[in-house]
Protein backbone atom coordinates (compact mmCIF):
# COMPACT_ATOMS: atom_id res chain seq x y z
CA UNK A 1 -40.75 -40.53 48.49
CA UNK A 2 -43.20 -37.86 47.55
CA UNK A 3 -43.41 -36.20 43.75
CA UNK A 4 -43.45 -32.93 45.42
CA UNK A 5 -39.23 -34.25 47.28
CA UNK A 6 -39.40 -35.80 43.28
CA UNK A 7 -39.85 -32.77 41.69
CA UNK A 8 -37.34 -30.70 44.28
CA UNK A 9 -34.28 -32.81 44.01
CA UNK A 10 -34.02 -33.32 40.46
CA UNK A 11 -34.85 -30.27 39.84
CA UNK A 12 -32.21 -28.76 41.51
CA UNK A 13 -29.99 -31.13 40.28
CA UNK A 14 -31.00 -30.52 36.62
CA UNK A 15 -30.37 -26.06 37.40
CA UNK A 16 -26.85 -26.98 39.04
CA UNK A 17 -25.78 -28.64 35.83
CA UNK A 18 -26.92 -25.90 33.93
CA UNK A 19 -25.84 -23.02 36.44
CA UNK A 20 -22.79 -25.30 36.58
CA UNK A 21 -21.51 -25.94 31.81
CA UNK A 22 -22.39 -21.58 31.95
CA UNK A 23 -20.51 -20.33 34.62
CA UNK A 24 -17.70 -22.10 35.52
CA UNK A 25 -15.96 -21.24 32.42
CA UNK A 26 -15.48 -24.66 30.68
CA UNK A 27 -15.68 -25.68 26.83
CA UNK A 28 -15.55 -29.60 27.98
CA UNK A 29 -18.36 -29.25 30.29
CA UNK A 30 -20.44 -26.85 28.09
CA UNK A 31 -20.05 -29.71 25.26
CA UNK A 32 -21.09 -32.53 27.77
CA UNK A 33 -23.93 -30.79 29.61
CA UNK A 34 -26.16 -28.84 26.35
CA UNK A 35 -24.88 -32.50 24.27
CA UNK A 36 -26.62 -34.85 26.18
CA UNK A 37 -29.46 -31.97 26.14
CA UNK A 38 -29.91 -32.21 22.81
CA UNK A 39 -29.05 -36.02 22.27
CA UNK A 40 -31.74 -37.20 24.56
CA UNK A 41 -34.31 -33.71 23.14
CA UNK A 42 -33.70 -35.74 19.93
CA UNK A 43 -33.98 -39.43 20.96
CA UNK A 44 -37.75 -38.04 22.88
CA UNK A 45 -38.95 -36.35 19.48
CA UNK A 46 -38.24 -39.69 17.85
CA UNK A 47 -40.24 -42.27 20.56
CA UNK A 48 -43.14 -39.18 20.84
CA UNK A 49 -44.54 -38.69 17.55
CA UNK A 50 -43.13 -42.29 17.08
CA UNK A 51 -40.13 -42.37 13.87
CA UNK A 52 -37.95 -45.90 13.75
CA UNK A 53 -40.65 -47.83 15.45
CA UNK A 54 -39.37 -51.39 15.38
CA UNK A 55 -35.62 -49.50 14.52
CA UNK A 56 -34.36 -48.07 17.77
CA UNK A 57 -30.69 -47.87 16.52
CA UNK A 58 -31.80 -45.42 13.95
CA UNK A 59 -32.84 -43.51 16.57
CA UNK A 60 -29.96 -43.79 18.18
CA UNK A 61 -28.47 -42.06 15.05
CA UNK A 62 -30.58 -39.39 14.25
CA UNK A 63 -30.03 -38.41 17.87
CA UNK A 64 -25.96 -38.96 17.15
CA UNK A 65 -26.67 -36.53 14.25
CA UNK A 66 -27.87 -34.41 16.50
CA UNK A 67 -25.53 -33.14 18.72
CA UNK A 68 -22.96 -33.99 15.80
CA UNK A 69 -25.15 -30.66 14.47
CA UNK A 70 -24.42 -29.37 18.19
CA UNK A 71 -21.12 -29.13 17.99
CA UNK A 72 -19.87 -27.93 14.74
CA UNK A 73 -22.34 -25.17 15.35
CA UNK A 74 -20.36 -24.69 18.20
CA UNK A 75 -16.77 -24.63 16.77
CA UNK A 76 -18.15 -22.52 13.77
CA UNK A 77 -19.31 -20.04 16.76
CA UNK A 78 -15.50 -20.09 18.38
CA UNK A 79 -13.62 -20.52 15.92
CA UNK A 80 -15.13 -19.07 12.73
CA UNK A 81 -16.34 -20.35 8.82
CA UNK A 82 -13.90 -22.37 8.30
CA UNK A 83 -15.45 -24.97 10.09
CA UNK A 84 -18.28 -25.15 7.76
CA UNK A 85 -16.63 -27.83 5.85
CA UNK A 86 -17.96 -30.34 9.33
CA UNK A 87 -20.86 -29.47 7.71
CA UNK A 88 -20.59 -31.65 5.06
CA UNK A 89 -20.97 -34.93 6.93
CA UNK A 90 -23.93 -33.83 8.57
CA UNK A 91 -25.21 -33.72 4.76
CA UNK A 92 -24.75 -37.02 3.66
CA UNK A 93 -26.51 -37.76 7.33
CA UNK A 94 -29.76 -35.92 5.56
CA UNK A 95 -28.85 -37.63 2.33
CA UNK A 96 -28.60 -41.20 4.69
CA UNK A 97 -32.39 -40.95 5.90
CA UNK A 98 -33.52 -39.73 2.56
CA UNK A 99 -32.00 -42.83 0.92
CA UNK A 100 -32.89 -45.11 4.05
CA UNK A 101 -36.71 -43.96 3.48
CA UNK A 102 -36.58 -45.58 -0.04
CA UNK A 103 -36.12 -48.68 1.36
CA UNK A 104 -38.88 -48.44 4.20
CA UNK A 105 -42.62 -48.49 4.45
CA UNK A 106 -44.27 -46.33 1.52
CA UNK A 107 -47.37 -45.45 3.29
CA UNK A 108 -45.38 -43.69 5.84
CA UNK A 109 -42.26 -42.80 4.62
CA UNK A 110 -43.78 -39.10 4.15
CA UNK A 111 -44.67 -39.06 7.63
CA UNK A 112 -41.53 -39.87 8.75
CA UNK A 113 -39.06 -37.82 6.95
CA UNK A 114 -40.66 -35.16 8.15
CA UNK A 115 -40.98 -35.95 11.61
CA UNK A 116 -36.96 -36.79 11.48
CA UNK A 117 -36.56 -33.54 10.04
CA UNK A 118 -38.04 -30.90 11.77
CA UNK A 119 -37.11 -32.73 15.10
CA UNK A 120 -33.58 -32.20 13.84
CA UNK A 121 -34.82 -28.57 12.97
CA UNK A 122 -36.41 -28.08 16.19
CA UNK A 123 -33.72 -29.97 18.81
CA UNK A 124 -30.30 -29.27 17.54
CA UNK A 125 -31.38 -26.87 15.77
CA UNK A 126 -32.15 -24.76 17.74
CA UNK A 127 -30.65 -25.45 20.46
CA UNK A 128 -27.24 -24.65 18.46
CA UNK A 129 -28.57 -21.46 18.50
CA UNK A 130 -27.21 -21.35 22.29
CA UNK A 131 -23.51 -21.62 20.37
CA UNK A 132 -23.46 -17.83 19.30
CA UNK A 133 -24.10 -16.20 22.90
CA UNK A 134 -21.96 -19.39 24.14
CA UNK A 135 -19.15 -18.30 22.40
CA UNK A 136 -18.71 -14.19 23.36
CA UNK A 137 -19.75 -13.37 20.04
CA UNK A 138 -22.28 -11.70 22.21
CA UNK A 139 -22.91 -10.07 25.63
CA UNK A 140 -21.60 -13.30 26.94
CA UNK A 141 -24.90 -13.36 30.28
CA UNK A 142 -27.49 -12.92 27.58
CA UNK A 143 -27.48 -17.50 27.82
CA UNK A 144 -27.47 -17.21 31.74
CA UNK A 145 -30.39 -14.28 31.35
CA UNK A 146 -31.83 -16.08 29.35
CA UNK A 147 -32.49 -19.62 31.53
CA UNK A 148 -32.45 -17.85 34.07
CA UNK A 149 -35.43 -15.22 33.23
CA UNK A 150 -36.98 -18.74 31.49
CA UNK A 151 -37.21 -20.37 35.49
CA UNK A 152 -38.45 -17.71 36.86
CA UNK A 153 -41.37 -16.87 34.42
CA UNK A 154 -42.37 -20.08 35.04
CA UNK A 155 -42.30 -19.53 38.42
CA UNK A 156 -44.22 -16.28 38.24
CA UNK A 157 -46.99 -18.05 35.67
CA UNK A 158 -47.88 -20.77 38.61
CA UNK A 159 -47.80 -18.19 41.53
CA UNK A 160 -50.60 -15.81 39.59
CA UNK A 161 -51.90 -18.47 37.92
CA UNK A 162 -52.97 -20.76 40.83
CA UNK A 163 -53.80 -18.09 43.22
CA UNK A 164 -55.36 -15.13 40.56
CA UNK A 165 -56.25 -17.58 37.37
CA UNK A 166 -59.51 -16.75 35.89
CA UNK A 167 -58.80 -16.29 32.61
CA UNK A 168 -57.86 -18.86 30.26
CA UNK A 169 -55.22 -18.45 28.18
CA UNK A 170 -55.32 -21.23 25.26
CA UNK A 171 -57.93 -23.69 27.00
CA UNK A 172 -57.74 -26.46 24.08
CA UNK A 173 -53.84 -26.48 24.07
CA UNK A 174 -53.57 -26.76 28.09
CA UNK A 175 -56.47 -25.65 29.87
CA UNK A 176 -54.67 -25.07 33.38
CA UNK A 177 -52.93 -21.87 32.06
CA UNK A 178 -54.01 -17.95 32.79
CA UNK A 179 -54.32 -14.85 30.91
CA UNK A 180 -53.63 -13.44 34.85
CA UNK A 181 -50.92 -16.13 35.28
CA UNK A 182 -49.19 -15.07 31.84
CA UNK A 183 -48.43 -11.53 33.09
CA UNK A 184 -46.75 -12.22 36.51
CA UNK A 185 -44.46 -14.38 34.57
CA UNK A 186 -44.23 -11.79 31.67
CA UNK A 187 -43.91 -9.01 34.65
CA UNK A 188 -41.11 -11.07 36.55
CA UNK A 189 -39.14 -11.73 33.46
CA UNK A 190 -38.92 -8.19 32.51
CA UNK A 191 -37.60 -7.36 36.11
CA UNK A 192 -34.91 -10.23 36.35
CA UNK A 193 -33.27 -9.22 32.91
CA UNK A 194 -33.70 -5.56 33.92
CA UNK A 195 -31.83 -6.90 37.10
CA UNK A 196 -29.40 -9.42 35.46
CA UNK A 197 -28.63 -6.59 32.14
CA UNK A 198 -28.52 -3.89 33.04
CA UNK A 199 -32.33 -1.45 33.25
CA UNK A 200 -31.99 -0.17 30.06
CA UNK A 201 -34.79 -0.73 26.96
CA UNK A 202 -32.90 -3.50 25.48
CA UNK A 203 -32.56 -5.70 28.33
CA UNK A 204 -36.11 -5.17 29.14
CA UNK A 205 -37.34 -5.89 25.95
CA UNK A 206 -35.39 -9.48 25.59
CA UNK A 207 -37.50 -9.90 29.08
CA UNK A 208 -40.14 -9.20 27.44
CA UNK A 209 -39.16 -12.31 24.38
CA UNK A 210 -37.84 -14.47 26.69
CA UNK A 211 -41.68 -14.38 28.08
CA UNK A 212 -43.37 -14.23 25.00
CA UNK A 213 -41.05 -16.28 23.01
CA UNK A 214 -41.49 -19.13 26.07
CA UNK A 215 -44.99 -19.02 26.91
CA UNK A 216 -45.44 -20.08 22.86
CA UNK A 217 -42.50 -23.30 23.21
CA UNK A 218 -44.50 -24.64 26.73
CA UNK A 219 -48.06 -24.22 23.89
CA UNK A 220 -46.00 -25.92 21.23
CA UNK A 221 -45.30 -28.84 22.95
CA UNK A 222 -48.57 -29.24 25.22
CA UNK A 223 -49.82 -28.98 21.70
CA UNK A 224 -48.13 -32.12 20.06
CA UNK A 225 -48.68 -33.75 23.49
CA UNK A 226 -52.45 -33.07 23.12
CA UNK A 227 -52.27 -34.59 19.72
CA UNK A 228 -50.81 -37.75 20.26
CA UNK A 229 -52.24 -38.33 24.00
CA UNK A 230 -49.78 -38.18 26.70
CA UNK A 231 -49.06 -36.25 29.76
CA UNK A 232 -45.17 -35.92 29.16
CA UNK A 233 -42.57 -36.39 26.62
CA UNK A 234 -40.39 -38.76 28.17
CA UNK A 235 -39.97 -40.16 31.81
CA UNK A 236 -35.93 -39.53 32.53
CA UNK A 237 -36.32 -36.45 35.43
CA UNK A 238 -38.05 -37.89 38.65
CA UNK A 239 -41.19 -35.95 38.54
CA UNK A 240 -41.13 -33.86 36.29
CA UNK A 241 -41.10 -35.98 32.18
CA UNK A 242 -38.78 -35.73 30.18
CA UNK A 243 -36.39 -33.89 29.09
CA UNK A 244 -38.47 -32.13 25.93
CA UNK A 245 -40.75 -30.83 28.87
CA UNK A 246 -37.52 -29.21 30.46
CA UNK A 247 -36.34 -27.40 27.10
CA UNK A 248 -39.70 -26.25 25.37
CA UNK A 249 -39.54 -22.88 26.52
CA UNK A 250 -35.76 -22.95 25.43
CA UNK A 251 -36.10 -24.16 22.24
CA UNK A 252 -38.62 -21.16 21.38
CA UNK A 253 -36.28 -18.14 22.95
CA UNK A 254 -33.25 -19.25 21.39
CA UNK A 255 -34.36 -18.24 17.75
CA UNK A 256 -36.80 -15.61 19.15
CA UNK A 257 -33.39 -13.54 20.92
CA UNK A 258 -31.00 -14.20 17.58
CA UNK A 259 -33.34 -12.77 15.83
CA UNK A 260 -33.64 -10.15 17.92
CA UNK A 261 -30.05 -9.69 17.95
CA UNK A 262 -30.46 -9.96 14.03
CA UNK A 263 -32.28 -7.14 13.57
CA UNK A 264 -30.31 -4.71 16.34
CA UNK A 265 -26.67 -5.46 14.52
CA UNK A 266 -28.55 -5.23 10.84
CA UNK A 267 -29.67 -2.06 11.87
CA UNK A 268 -26.46 -0.94 13.44
CA UNK A 269 -25.07 -1.47 10.32
CA UNK A 270 -26.92 -0.45 8.14
CA UNK A 271 -26.98 3.25 10.12
CA UNK A 272 -23.07 3.51 10.59
CA UNK A 273 -22.21 2.76 6.70
């Protein structure tokens, strides 16, 4: 089977899982699909930065803790602040990480600690922002729009870059990306966002933010992989690499869009009071 066919088949499966989790209105399916993404993403991060080199069970505990954080934030978004009490076990996990570092290799401890804590924020923390959108606190169409705009941004960037690309966007991190590709993806994202959310300034702004933040997310993971000297974050998706390779843009887009929503909410609240 050629690599192109593999990419098409497994890419379609990935898209189908995401769309099913978002459109079927099944919280259980949503938690399974997104929880699995968090688990695999945290596991891949640990592999990528080589934490717990001889303790694979610790990698599992880190990934499981990420899923737990995702579940708790979902319950908080859905049922309210009373569920913040379930963050206490997660705080206990973080304390456990600090305590176990005392008994680890002293020379490697500071770096490993930083990698573990950053992995929790980068993967589990940023993915947990999706719960704000899924829970219905904001426009329920927004989370679906985020995914679709990321996909069309990547497609638009590839098509424009492969046909028109001459000026490198960030050659020291990602030599293949071009300014022409960025513009093509940006236009595609803005148009699709307007199509899905209505042709209002805010909808178009979302499309612009998704494109820019998604590009930064892609560049950030490319920088990490280049520094480490690997092509992909993993190989769990044949033809595509790892799960982090699929969600690198999403991990930047979710908090950026949430931050814009917070600014809008704060402005409206202050303006009305």
